[in-house]
């Protein structure tokens, strides 16, 4: 597996989350980027996500006025979106097995897996072993 989707949207603040979510929603709503066959296993997931995302967008802008009730609603919607984004990320990674370009088209942040060789950790030798080597 070459690339993986980052799930960094769990720890970001409301403004950064809103920007990220809008990017993903725009990418997923465009039918030319991601074929309908990707959603065959979860037929209602995309529609549910897009509806919740649209509601979050409206509530996010309304929360800028400072209403504690609206801010609380925004936080609840953000938590719901995180769950839906986790499901969508799994669907995208499964679809990427056949079409690797789908990860970039999804709007998520991608990370390449590193295939480097693990370094062997050197263990310091005991002082007695160092002295034995010097005598030889």
Protein backbone atom coordinates (compact mmCIF):
# COMPACT_ATOMS: atom_id res chain seq x y z
CA UNK A 1 0.00 0.00 0.00
CA UNK A 2 1.61 3.25 -1.13
CA UNK A 3 -0.54 5.95 0.44
CA UNK A 4 -2.80 6.26 3.41
CA UNK A 5 -5.33 8.87 4.47
CA UNK A 6 -4.42 10.94 7.48
CA UNK A 7 -7.06 11.16 10.15
CA UNK A 8 -5.76 14.45 11.50
CA UNK A 9 -9.24 16.01 11.44
CA UNK A 10 -9.97 14.57 14.88
CA UNK A 11 -7.69 16.96 16.75
CA UNK A 12 -8.17 20.25 14.89
CA UNK A 13 -10.18 23.25 16.00
CA UNK A 14 -13.56 24.33 14.67
CA UNK A 15 -12.28 26.72 11.98
CA UNK A 16 -9.69 24.33 10.57
CA UNK A 17 -12.21 21.47 10.76
CA UNK A 18 -14.78 23.51 8.85
CA UNK A 19 -12.26 24.28 6.08
CA UNK A 20 -11.17 20.63 5.90
CA UNK A 21 -14.75 19.37 5.88
CA UNK A 22 -15.76 21.78 3.11
CA UNK A 23 -12.82 20.59 0.99
CA UNK A 24 -13.76 16.93 1.45
CA UNK A 25 -17.49 17.56 0.90
CA UNK A 26 -16.77 19.43 -2.33
CA UNK A 27 -14.47 16.66 -3.57
CA UNK A 28 -16.91 13.87 -2.71
CA UNK A 29 -19.93 15.66 -4.16
CA UNK A 30 -18.27 15.90 -7.55
CA UNK A 31 -19.39 12.73 -9.35
CA UNK A 32 -16.60 12.83 -11.94
CA UNK A 33 -13.86 12.39 -9.33
CA UNK A 34 -15.23 9.40 -7.45
CA UNK A 35 -17.42 6.86 -9.24
CA UNK A 36 -20.76 5.74 -7.78
CA UNK A 37 -19.45 2.17 -7.59
CA UNK A 38 -17.27 3.20 -4.62
CA UNK A 39 -20.42 3.79 -2.55
CA UNK A 40 -22.12 0.49 -3.47
CA UNK A 41 -21.19 -1.11 -0.13
CA UNK A 42 -22.54 1.87 1.87
CA UNK A 43 -25.28 3.39 -0.28
CA UNK A 44 -26.51 5.97 2.24
CA UNK A 45 -23.14 7.07 3.61
CA UNK A 46 -22.37 9.79 1.08
CA UNK A 47 -25.84 11.35 1.20
CA UNK A 48 -25.87 11.26 5.00
CA UNK A 49 -22.41 12.82 5.15
CA UNK A 50 -23.27 15.58 2.66
CA UNK A 51 -26.49 16.43 4.53
CA UNK A 52 -24.71 16.60 7.89
CA UNK A 53 -21.91 18.60 6.30
CA UNK A 54 -24.35 21.16 4.88
CA UNK A 55 -26.02 21.51 8.27
CA UNK A 56 -22.60 21.89 9.95
CA UNK A 57 -21.67 24.62 7.46
CA UNK A 58 -24.80 26.63 8.31
CA UNK A 59 -24.40 26.11 12.06
CA UNK A 60 -20.68 26.95 11.88
CA UNK A 61 -21.40 30.36 10.35
CA UNK A 62 -24.20 30.99 12.82
CA UNK A 63 -21.91 30.04 15.73
CA UNK A 64 -19.65 32.98 14.86
CA UNK A 65 -22.21 35.17 16.63
CA UNK A 66 -21.26 33.50 19.91
CA UNK A 67 -24.48 31.74 20.93
CA UNK A 68 -23.57 28.95 23.34
CA UNK A 69 -26.46 26.78 22.13
CA UNK A 70 -25.35 27.09 18.52
CA UNK A 71 -21.72 26.43 19.48
CA UNK A 72 -22.85 23.29 21.30
CA UNK A 73 -24.82 22.18 18.23
CA UNK A 74 -21.74 22.81 16.07
CA UNK A 75 -19.65 20.59 18.37
CA UNK A 76 -22.25 17.80 18.20
CA UNK A 77 -22.33 18.00 14.40
CA UNK A 78 -18.53 18.02 14.27
CA UNK A 79 -18.43 14.83 16.36
CA UNK A 80 -20.97 13.21 14.01
CA UNK A 81 -18.92 14.27 11.00
CA UNK A 82 -15.74 12.79 12.47
CA UNK A 83 -17.49 9.41 12.70
CA UNK A 84 -18.73 9.70 9.11
CA UNK A 85 -15.30 10.84 7.91
CA UNK A 86 -13.73 7.77 9.53
CA UNK A 87 -16.16 5.55 7.60
CA UNK A 88 -15.53 7.42 4.36
CA UNK A 89 -11.75 7.18 4.84
CA UNK A 90 -12.07 3.40 5.14
CA UNK A 91 -14.18 3.24 1.97
CA UNK A 92 -11.65 5.42 0.12
CA UNK A 93 -8.71 3.27 1.24
CA UNK A 94 -10.50 0.12 0.10
CA UNK A 95 -11.31 1.71 -3.27
CA UNK A 96 -7.69 2.81 -3.60
CA UNK A 97 -6.59 -0.80 -3.90
CA UNK A 98 -7.94 -0.74 -7.46
CA UNK A 99 -7.65 2.98 -8.13
CA UNK A 100 -4.83 4.64 -6.13
CA UNK A 101 -5.63 8.11 -7.50
CA UNK A 102 -8.91 8.13 -5.62
CA UNK A 103 -7.16 9.07 -2.38
CA UNK A 104 -5.90 12.34 -3.79
CA UNK A 105 -9.29 13.07 -5.38
CA UNK A 106 -11.09 12.50 -2.06
CA UNK A 107 -10.01 15.79 -0.49
CA UNK A 108 -8.41 14.06 2.51
CA UNK A 109 -4.79 14.65 3.43
CA UNK A 110 -2.59 11.79 2.26
CA UNK A 111 0.56 10.31 3.70
CA UNK A 112 3.00 7.99 2.01
CA UNK A 113 4.11 4.95 3.92
CA UNK A 114 7.83 4.78 4.40
CA UNK A 115 9.52 1.70 3.12
CA UNK A 116 12.97 2.40 4.47
CA UNK A 117 15.06 -0.19 6.19
CA UNK A 118 14.72 -0.10 9.95
CA UNK A 119 17.94 0.85 11.63
CA UNK A 120 19.42 -1.69 13.96
CA UNK A 121 19.85 -0.16 17.35
CA UNK A 122 23.36 -0.50 18.64
CA UNK A 123 23.54 -1.74 22.16
CA UNK A 124 26.44 -0.37 24.15
CA UNK A 125 28.80 -3.09 25.18
CA UNK A 126 29.58 -3.78 28.78
CA UNK A 127 32.80 -2.15 30.07
CA UNK A 128 34.35 -5.59 30.61
CA UNK A 129 33.83 -6.50 26.95
CA UNK A 130 35.62 -3.34 25.83
CA UNK A 131 38.59 -4.14 28.09
CA UNK A 132 38.81 -7.72 26.76
CA UNK A 133 38.96 -6.41 23.20
CA UNK A 134 41.80 -4.02 24.10
CA UNK A 135 43.90 -6.83 25.64
CA UNK A 136 43.64 -8.98 22.51
